[in-house]
Amino acid sequence: MGCGRAMIPSNIKILLSEIIVRLPQIPRLTTAILYGSAVRDEITETSDIDLMLIFDVKHNPETGGELEKALSILGQIETKRKIQIVAHNLKQILDPDFFDNVVREGIIIYGKPLVVTPEKTRLKPYIIFAYSVAGLPQVRKSSFHRAMYGYSVTKKLKKKTYKSEDVGALKMLDGKKLGKGVVLLPQENAKDFEGTLKRYKVNYIKHKVWF
């Protein structure tokens, strides 16, 4: 995983040079990445400068003092633009989606290229589904409930016992029920579960989370 090859706009090169010469003064800083409008060729005269700073620390640098120190050092630069900083460490990435986008699309202006593996994030993606069966015909509601949570039916016929059962989509896909109409599934299984919701025409919303 590495940063993109976007060109730095000419109208911020002088400002960036002032930023770059000050970056080595920031303690425990390993990498600085320029991202946002500056690398998307969308920067205007009033656009902010967006920086991600990566620190070699075990704690959250935004609350551990590193961010405050960086703001103090870069705040010495005279500019009409606002310098926006987000700080991360590679020990535990708290917002992997955002971090991954910055690393892929941004430009490294200080430090070494990053190699970030899923193991480094220590977090795994899950999808939360919130669904409602309101307004569905009763027969479809019952069928959906059986498909979701499974069933076990035992019948006797001519002195023989027949058993029919199914564990249901939620258990089969390693999902968990969080509350009424709310379930959590690993991202890799979410598409199959979503297919069940669509098959029974159940209204739902979904949201990605990391644990």
C-alpha atoms as a PDB file:
ATOM      1  CA  MET A   1       0.000   0.000   0.000  1.00  0.00           C
ATOM      2  CA  GLY A   2       1.536   3.315  -0.964  1.00  0.00           C
ATOM      3  CA  CYS A   3       0.691   6.908  -1.631  1.00  0.00           C
ATOM      4  CA  GLY A   4      -0.553   8.123  -4.968  1.00  0.00           C
ATOM      5  CA  ARG A   5       1.417  10.008  -7.600  1.00  0.00           C
ATOM      6  CA  ALA A   6      -0.610  13.217  -7.666  1.00  0.00           C
ATOM      7  CA  MET A   7       1.280  16.425  -8.405  1.00  0.00           C
ATOM      8  CA  ILE A   8       1.606  19.187  -5.824  1.00  0.00           C
ATOM      9  CA  PRO A   9      -0.166  22.344  -7.066  1.00  0.00           C
ATOM     10  CA  SER A  10       2.242  25.188  -7.829  1.00  0.00           C
ATOM     11  CA  ASN A  11       0.286  27.707  -5.733  1.00  0.00           C
ATOM     12  CA  ILE A  12       1.084  25.876  -2.484  1.00  0.00           C
ATOM     13  CA  LYS A  13       4.665  24.751  -3.165  1.00  0.00           C
ATOM     14  CA  ILE A  14       6.199  27.622  -1.206  1.00  0.00           C
ATOM     15  CA  LEU A  15       3.926  26.981   1.762  1.00  0.00           C
ATOM     16  CA  LEU A  16       4.653  23.262   1.628  1.00  0.00           C
ATOM     17  CA  SER A  17       8.382  23.927   1.591  1.00  0.00           C
ATOM     18  CA  GLU A  18       7.973  25.927   4.812  1.00  0.00           C
ATOM     19  CA  ILE A  19       6.014  23.058   6.325  1.00  0.00           C
ATOM     20  CA  ILE A  20       8.547  20.446   5.226  1.00  0.00           C
ATOM     21  CA  VAL A  21      11.552  22.215   6.761  1.00  0.00           C
ATOM     22  CA  ARG A  22       9.753  22.290  10.117  1.00  0.00           C
ATOM     23  CA  LEU A  23       8.557  18.678  10.150  1.00  0.00           C
ATOM     24  CA  PRO A  24      11.893  17.277  11.464  1.00  0.00           C
ATOM     25  CA  GLN A  25      11.392  19.419  14.578  1.00  0.00           C
ATOM     26  CA  ILE A  26       8.308  17.418  15.558  1.00  0.00           C
ATOM     27  CA  PRO A  27       9.321  14.683  18.041  1.00  0.00           C
ATOM     28  CA  ARG A  28       8.700  11.036  17.058  1.00  0.00           C
ATOM     29  CA  LEU A  29       7.209  11.964  13.692  1.00  0.00           C
ATOM     30  CA  THR A  30       7.906   9.250  11.110  1.00  0.00           C
ATOM     31  CA  THR A  31       5.774  10.220   8.103  1.00  0.00           C
ATOM     32  CA  ALA A  32       3.753  13.198   6.894  1.00  0.00           C
ATOM     33  CA  ILE A  33       1.146  12.868   4.141  1.00  0.00           C
ATOM     34  CA  LEU A  34      -0.536  15.664   2.214  1.00  0.00           C
ATOM     35  CA  TYR A  35      -4.121  14.789   1.256  1.00  0.00           C
ATOM     36  CA  GLY A  36      -7.470  16.368   0.486  1.00  0.00           C
ATOM     37  CA  SER A  37      -8.123  19.090  -2.097  1.00  0.00           C
ATOM     38  CA  ALA A  38      -4.391  19.730  -2.572  1.00  0.00           C
ATOM     39  CA  VAL A  39      -3.887  16.305  -4.164  1.00  0.00           C
ATOM     40  CA  ARG A  40      -7.226  16.155  -5.983  1.00  0.00           C
ATOM     41  CA  ASP A  41      -6.498  19.262  -8.053  1.00  0.00           C
ATOM     42  CA  GLU A  42      -9.397  21.016  -6.326  1.00  0.00           C
ATOM     43  CA  ILE A  43      -7.491  23.497  -4.188  1.00  0.00           C
ATOM     44  CA  THR A  44      -8.599  27.137  -4.193  1.00  0.00           C
ATOM     45  CA  GLU A  45      -7.166  30.294  -2.656  1.00  0.00           C
ATOM     46  CA  THR A  46      -9.088  29.634   0.557  1.00  0.00           C
ATOM     47  CA  SER A  47      -8.659  25.857   0.813  1.00  0.00           C
ATOM     48  CA  ASP A  48      -7.103  24.334   3.919  1.00  0.00           C
ATOM     49  CA  ILE A  49      -3.908  22.301   3.867  1.00  0.00           C
ATOM     50  CA  ASP A  50      -4.731  18.795   5.090  1.00  0.00           C
ATOM     51  CA  LEU A  51      -1.925  16.780   6.665  1.00  0.00           C
ATOM     52  CA  MET A  52      -1.808  13.358   8.252  1.00  0.00           C
ATOM     53  CA  LEU A  53       1.101  12.915  10.643  1.00  0.00           C
ATOM     54  CA  ILE A  54       2.210   9.409  11.626  1.00  0.00           C
ATOM     55  CA  PHE A  55       4.000   9.026  14.961  1.00  0.00           C
ATOM     56  CA  ASP A  56       6.083   6.226  16.435  1.00  0.00           C
ATOM     57  CA  VAL A  57       4.145   5.986  19.688  1.00  0.00           C
ATOM     58  CA  LYS A  58       1.909   3.389  21.329  1.00  0.00           C
ATOM     59  CA  HIS A  59      -0.759   5.831  22.482  1.00  0.00           C
ATOM     60  CA  ASN A  60      -3.173   8.087  20.588  1.00  0.00           C
ATOM     61  CA  PRO A  61      -1.011  11.027  19.429  1.00  0.00           C
ATOM     62  CA  GLU A  62      -4.043  13.313  19.250  1.00  0.00           C
ATOM     63  CA  THR A  63      -4.415  13.126  23.028  1.00  0.00           C
ATOM     64  CA  GLY A  64      -0.856  12.283  24.043  1.00  0.00           C
ATOM     65  CA  GLY A  65       0.764  15.634  23.287  1.00  0.00           C
ATOM     66  CA  GLU A  66       2.216  14.944  19.825  1.00  0.00           C
ATOM     67  CA  LEU A  67      -0.586  16.728  17.981  1.00  0.00           C
ATOM     68  CA  GLU A  68      -0.330  19.754  20.252  1.00  0.00           C
ATOM     69  CA  LYS A  69       3.428  19.955  19.634  1.00  0.00           C
ATOM     70  CA  ALA A  70       2.954  19.654  15.868  1.00  0.00           C
ATOM     71  CA  LEU A  71       0.345  22.421  15.863  1.00  0.00           C
ATOM     72  CA  SER A  72       2.698  24.633  17.848  1.00  0.00           C
ATOM     73  CA  ILE A  73       5.589  24.119  15.426  1.00  0.00           C
ATOM     74  CA  LEU A  74       3.595  24.454  12.214  1.00  0.00           C
ATOM     75  CA  GLY A  75       1.621  27.323  13.688  1.00  0.00           C
ATOM     76  CA  GLN A  76       4.757  29.474  13.383  1.00  0.00           C
ATOM     77  CA  ILE A  77       4.272  29.596   9.620  1.00  0.00           C
ATOM     78  CA  GLU A  78       2.726  32.823   8.358  1.00  0.00           C
ATOM     79  CA  THR A  79      -0.062  31.868   5.986  1.00  0.00           C
ATOM     80  CA  LYS A  80      -3.681  32.738   5.303  1.00  0.00           C
ATOM     81  CA  ARG A  81      -4.462  29.065   4.832  1.00  0.00           C
ATOM     82  CA  LYS A  82      -5.482  26.908   7.760  1.00  0.00           C
ATOM     83  CA  ILE A  83      -3.292  23.864   8.332  1.00  0.00           C
ATOM     84  CA  GLN A  84      -5.511  20.958   9.380  1.00  0.00           C
ATOM     85  CA  ILE A  85      -3.732  18.038  11.040  1.00  0.00           C
ATOM     86  CA  VAL A  86      -4.856  14.546  11.948  1.00  0.00           C
ATOM     87  CA  ALA A  87      -2.465  12.338  13.889  1.00  0.00           C
ATOM     88  CA  HIS A  88      -2.117   8.553  13.851  1.00  0.00           C
ATOM     89  CA  ASN A  89       0.194   5.843  15.033  1.00  0.00           C
ATOM     90  CA  LEU A  90       0.774   2.489  13.356  1.00  0.00           C
ATOM     91  CA  LYS A  91       0.301   0.479  16.536  1.00  0.00           C
ATOM     92  CA  GLN A  92      -3.471   0.719  16.400  1.00  0.00           C
ATOM     93  CA  ILE A  93      -5.261   2.464  13.558  1.00  0.00           C
ATOM     94  CA  LEU A  94      -8.593   3.677  14.898  1.00  0.00           C
ATOM     95  CA  ASP A  95     -10.192   4.664  11.582  1.00  0.00           C
ATOM     96  CA  PRO A  96      -8.906   2.201   8.954  1.00  0.00           C
ATOM     97  CA  ASP A  97     -11.186   3.372   6.114  1.00  0.00           C
ATOM     98  CA  PHE A  98     -10.062   6.985   6.391  1.00  0.00           C
ATOM     99  CA  PHE A  99      -6.435   5.997   6.968  1.00  0.00           C
ATOM    100  CA  ASP A 100      -6.405   3.723   3.933  1.00  0.00           C
ATOM    101  CA  ASN A 101      -7.877   6.423   1.675  1.00  0.00           C
ATOM    102  CA  VAL A 102      -5.269   8.956   2.767  1.00  0.00           C
ATOM    103  CA  VAL A 103      -2.383   6.531   2.293  1.00  0.00           C
ATOM    104  CA  ARG A 104      -3.592   5.505  -1.174  1.00  0.00           C
ATOM    105  CA  GLU A 105      -4.447   8.964  -2.500  1.00  0.00           C
ATOM    106  CA  GLY A 106      -2.110  11.257  -0.599  1.00  0.00           C
ATOM    107  CA  ILE A 107       1.447  12.456  -1.216  1.00  0.00           C
ATOM    108  CA  ILE A 108       4.216  11.694   1.271  1.00  0.00           C
ATOM    109  CA  ILE A 109       6.058  14.956   1.935  1.00  0.00           C
ATOM    110  CA  TYR A 110       8.213  13.670   4.779  1.00  0.00           C
ATOM    111  CA  GLY A 111       9.473  10.271   5.872  1.00  0.00           C
ATOM    112  CA  LYS A 112       9.355   6.821   4.345  1.00  0.00           C
ATOM    113  CA  PRO A 113       6.553   5.160   2.344  1.00  0.00           C
ATOM    114  CA  LEU A 114       4.063   3.260   4.453  1.00  0.00           C
ATOM    115  CA  VAL A 115       3.285  -0.407   4.219  1.00  0.00           C
ATOM    116  CA  VAL A 116       0.085  -1.075   6.132  1.00  0.00           C
ATOM    117  CA  THR A 117      -1.263  -4.597   6.428  1.00  0.00           C
ATOM    118  CA  PRO A 118      -4.598  -5.691   7.929  1.00  0.00           C
ATOM    119  CA  GLU A 119      -2.621  -7.139  10.846  1.00  0.00           C
ATOM    120  CA  LYS A 120      -1.337  -3.683  11.744  1.00  0.00           C
ATOM    121  CA  THR A 121      -4.808  -2.266  12.066  1.00  0.00           C
ATOM    122  CA  ARG A 122      -5.800  -4.977  14.566  1.00  0.00           C
ATOM    123  CA  LEU A 123      -9.359  -4.114  13.644  1.00  0.00           C
ATOM    124  CA  LYS A 124     -11.755  -6.067  11.459  1.00  0.00           C
ATOM    125  CA  PRO A 125     -14.627  -4.710   9.368  1.00  0.00           C
ATOM    126  CA  TYR A 126     -18.209  -5.599  10.260  1.00  0.00           C
ATOM    127  CA  ILE A 127     -21.562  -4.511   8.895  1.00  0.00           C
ATOM    128  CA  ILE A 128     -24.474  -3.543  11.131  1.00  0.00           C
ATOM    129  CA  PHE A 129     -27.887  -4.101   9.566  1.00  0.00           C
ATOM    130  CA  ALA A 130     -30.998  -2.445  10.981  1.00  0.00           C
ATOM    131  CA  TYR A 131     -34.113  -3.867   9.372  1.00  0.00           C
ATOM    132  CA  SER A 132     -37.882  -3.648   9.711  1.00  0.00           C
ATOM    133  CA  VAL A 133     -40.563  -6.148   8.711  1.00  0.00           C
ATOM    134  CA  ALA A 134     -43.348  -3.625   9.268  1.00  0.00           C
ATOM    135  CA  GLY A 135     -45.876  -3.736   6.454  1.00  0.00           C
ATOM    136  CA  LEU A 136     -44.904  -7.192   5.224  1.00  0.00           C
ATOM    137  CA  PRO A 137     -47.611  -9.846   4.821  1.00  0.00           C
ATOM    138  CA  GLN A 138     -47.721 -12.183   7.818  1.00  0.00           C
ATOM    139  CA  VAL A 139     -46.758 -15.211   5.724  1.00  0.00           C
ATOM    140  CA  ARG A 140     -43.642 -13.448   4.460  1.00  0.00           C
ATOM    141  CA  LYS A 141     -42.758 -12.283   7.971  1.00  0.00           C
ATOM    142  CA  SER A 142     -42.880 -15.859   9.218  1.00  0.00           C
ATOM    143  CA  SER A 143     -40.830 -17.150   6.291  1.00  0.00           C
ATOM    144  CA  PHE A 144     -38.245 -14.430   6.806  1.00  0.00           C
ATOM    145  CA  HIS A 145     -37.975 -15.178  10.518  1.00  0.00           C
ATOM    146  CA  ARG A 146     -37.367 -18.851   9.782  1.00  0.00           C
ATOM    147  CA  ALA A 147     -34.757 -17.998   7.153  1.00  0.00           C
ATOM    148  CA  MET A 148     -33.038 -15.630   9.580  1.00  0.00           C
ATOM    149  CA  TYR A 149     -33.061 -17.565  12.821  1.00  0.00           C
ATOM    150  CA  GLY A 150     -33.682 -21.118  11.691  1.00  0.00           C
ATOM    151  CA  TYR A 151     -36.242 -23.641  12.818  1.00  0.00           C
ATOM    152  CA  SER A 152     -36.634 -27.164  14.140  1.00  0.00           C
ATOM    153  CA  VAL A 153     -39.760 -29.165  13.369  1.00  0.00           C
ATOM    154  CA  THR A 154     -40.472 -32.708  14.523  1.00  0.00           C
ATOM    155  CA  LYS A 155     -43.301 -34.756  13.013  1.00  0.00           C
ATOM    156  CA  LYS A 156     -44.545 -38.266  13.623  1.00  0.00           C
ATOM    157  CA  LEU A 157     -45.974 -40.253  10.776  1.00  0.00           C
ATOM    158  CA  LYS A 158     -46.922 -43.932  11.004  1.00  0.00           C
ATOM    159  CA  LYS A 159     -44.873 -44.457  14.148  1.00  0.00           C
ATOM    160  CA  LYS A 160     -41.834 -42.815  12.574  1.00  0.00           C
ATOM    161  CA  THR A 161     -40.351 -39.511  13.668  1.00  0.00           C
ATOM    162  CA  TYR A 162     -39.155 -37.015  11.084  1.00  0.00           C
ATOM    163  CA  LYS A 163     -37.128 -33.975  11.989  1.00  0.00           C
ATOM    164  CA  SER A 164     -36.525 -30.945   9.813  1.00  0.00           C
ATOM    165  CA  GLU A 165     -34.247 -28.149  10.917  1.00  0.00           C
ATOM    166  CA  ASP A 166     -32.130 -25.257   9.686  1.00  0.00           C
ATOM    167  CA  VAL A 167     -29.719 -23.079  11.676  1.00  0.00           C
ATOM    168  CA  GLY A 168     -30.734 -19.932   9.806  1.00  0.00           C
ATOM    169  CA  ALA A 169     -28.750 -17.355   7.865  1.00  0.00           C
ATOM    170  CA  LEU A 170     -27.641 -15.355  10.908  1.00  0.00           C
ATOM    171  CA  LYS A 171     -25.882 -18.236  12.639  1.00  0.00           C
ATOM    172  CA  MET A 172     -24.578 -19.746   9.420  1.00  0.00           C
ATOM    173  CA  LEU A 173     -22.922 -16.425   8.505  1.00  0.00           C
ATOM    174  CA  ASP A 174     -21.413 -15.855  11.984  1.00  0.00           C
ATOM    175  CA  GLY A 175     -23.802 -13.018  12.712  1.00  0.00           C
ATOM    176  CA  LYS A 176     -24.990 -11.720  16.071  1.00  0.00           C
ATOM    177  CA  LYS A 177     -28.307 -10.241  17.089  1.00  0.00           C
ATOM    178  CA  LEU A 178     -27.724  -6.894  18.825  1.00  0.00           C
ATOM    179  CA  GLY A 179     -31.350  -6.027  19.463  1.00  0.00           C
ATOM    180  CA  LYS A 180     -34.768  -6.040  17.849  1.00  0.00           C
ATOM    181  CA  GLY A 181     -34.170  -5.706  14.121  1.00  0.00           C
ATOM    182  CA  VAL A 182     -30.431  -5.069  14.513  1.00  0.00           C
ATOM    183  CA  VAL A 183     -27.721  -7.593  13.633  1.00  0.00           C
ATOM    184  CA  LEU A 184     -23.949  -7.561  13.202  1.00  0.00           C
ATOM    185  CA  LEU A 185     -22.038  -9.604  10.606  1.00  0.00           C
ATOM    186  CA  PRO A 186     -18.425  -9.899   9.437  1.00  0.00           C
ATOM    187  CA  GLN A 187     -18.014  -7.871   6.261  1.00  0.00           C
ATOM    188  CA  GLU A 188     -17.074 -10.944   4.223  1.00  0.00           C
ATOM    189  CA  ASN A 189     -20.478 -12.505   5.000  1.00  0.00           C
ATOM    190  CA  ALA A 190     -22.582  -9.362   4.743  1.00  0.00           C
ATOM    191  CA  LYS A 191     -23.368  -9.697   1.035  1.00  0.00           C
ATOM    192  CA  ASP A 192     -24.965 -13.107   1.513  1.00  0.00           C
ATOM    193  CA  PHE A 193     -27.008 -11.826   4.450  1.00  0.00           C
ATOM    194  CA  GLU A 194     -28.085  -8.791   2.460  1.00  0.00           C
ATOM    195  CA  GLY A 195     -29.321 -11.180  -0.212  1.00  0.00           C
ATOM    196  CA  THR A 196     -31.685 -12.722   2.344  1.00  0.00           C
ATOM    197  CA  LEU A 197     -33.092  -9.302   3.213  1.00  0.00           C
ATOM    198  CA  LYS A 198     -33.632  -8.480  -0.449  1.00  0.00           C
ATOM    199  CA  ARG A 199     -35.196 -11.847  -1.199  1.00  0.00           C
ATOM    200  CA  TYR A 200     -37.928 -11.206   1.365  1.00  0.00           C
ATOM    201  CA  LYS A 201     -38.200  -7.514   0.394  1.00  0.00           C
ATOM    202  CA  VAL A 202     -37.284  -6.335   3.889  1.00  0.00           C
ATOM    203  CA  ASN A 203     -36.454  -2.653   4.356  1.00  0.00           C
ATOM    204  CA  TYR A 204     -33.035  -2.100   5.896  1.00  0.00           C
ATOM    205  CA  ILE A 205     -30.091   0.217   6.323  1.00  0.00           C
ATOM    206  CA  LYS A 206     -26.481  -0.805   6.869  1.00  0.00           C
ATOM    207  CA  HIS A 207     -23.393   0.748   8.377  1.00  0.00           C
ATOM    208  CA  LYS A 208     -19.756  -0.325   8.383  1.00  0.00           C
ATOM    209  CA  VAL A 209     -17.918  -0.495  11.707  1.00  0.00           C
ATOM    210  CA  TRP A 210     -14.533  -1.763  12.910  1.00  0.00           C
ATOM    211  CA  PHE A 211     -13.809  -3.880  15.972  1.00  0.00           C
END
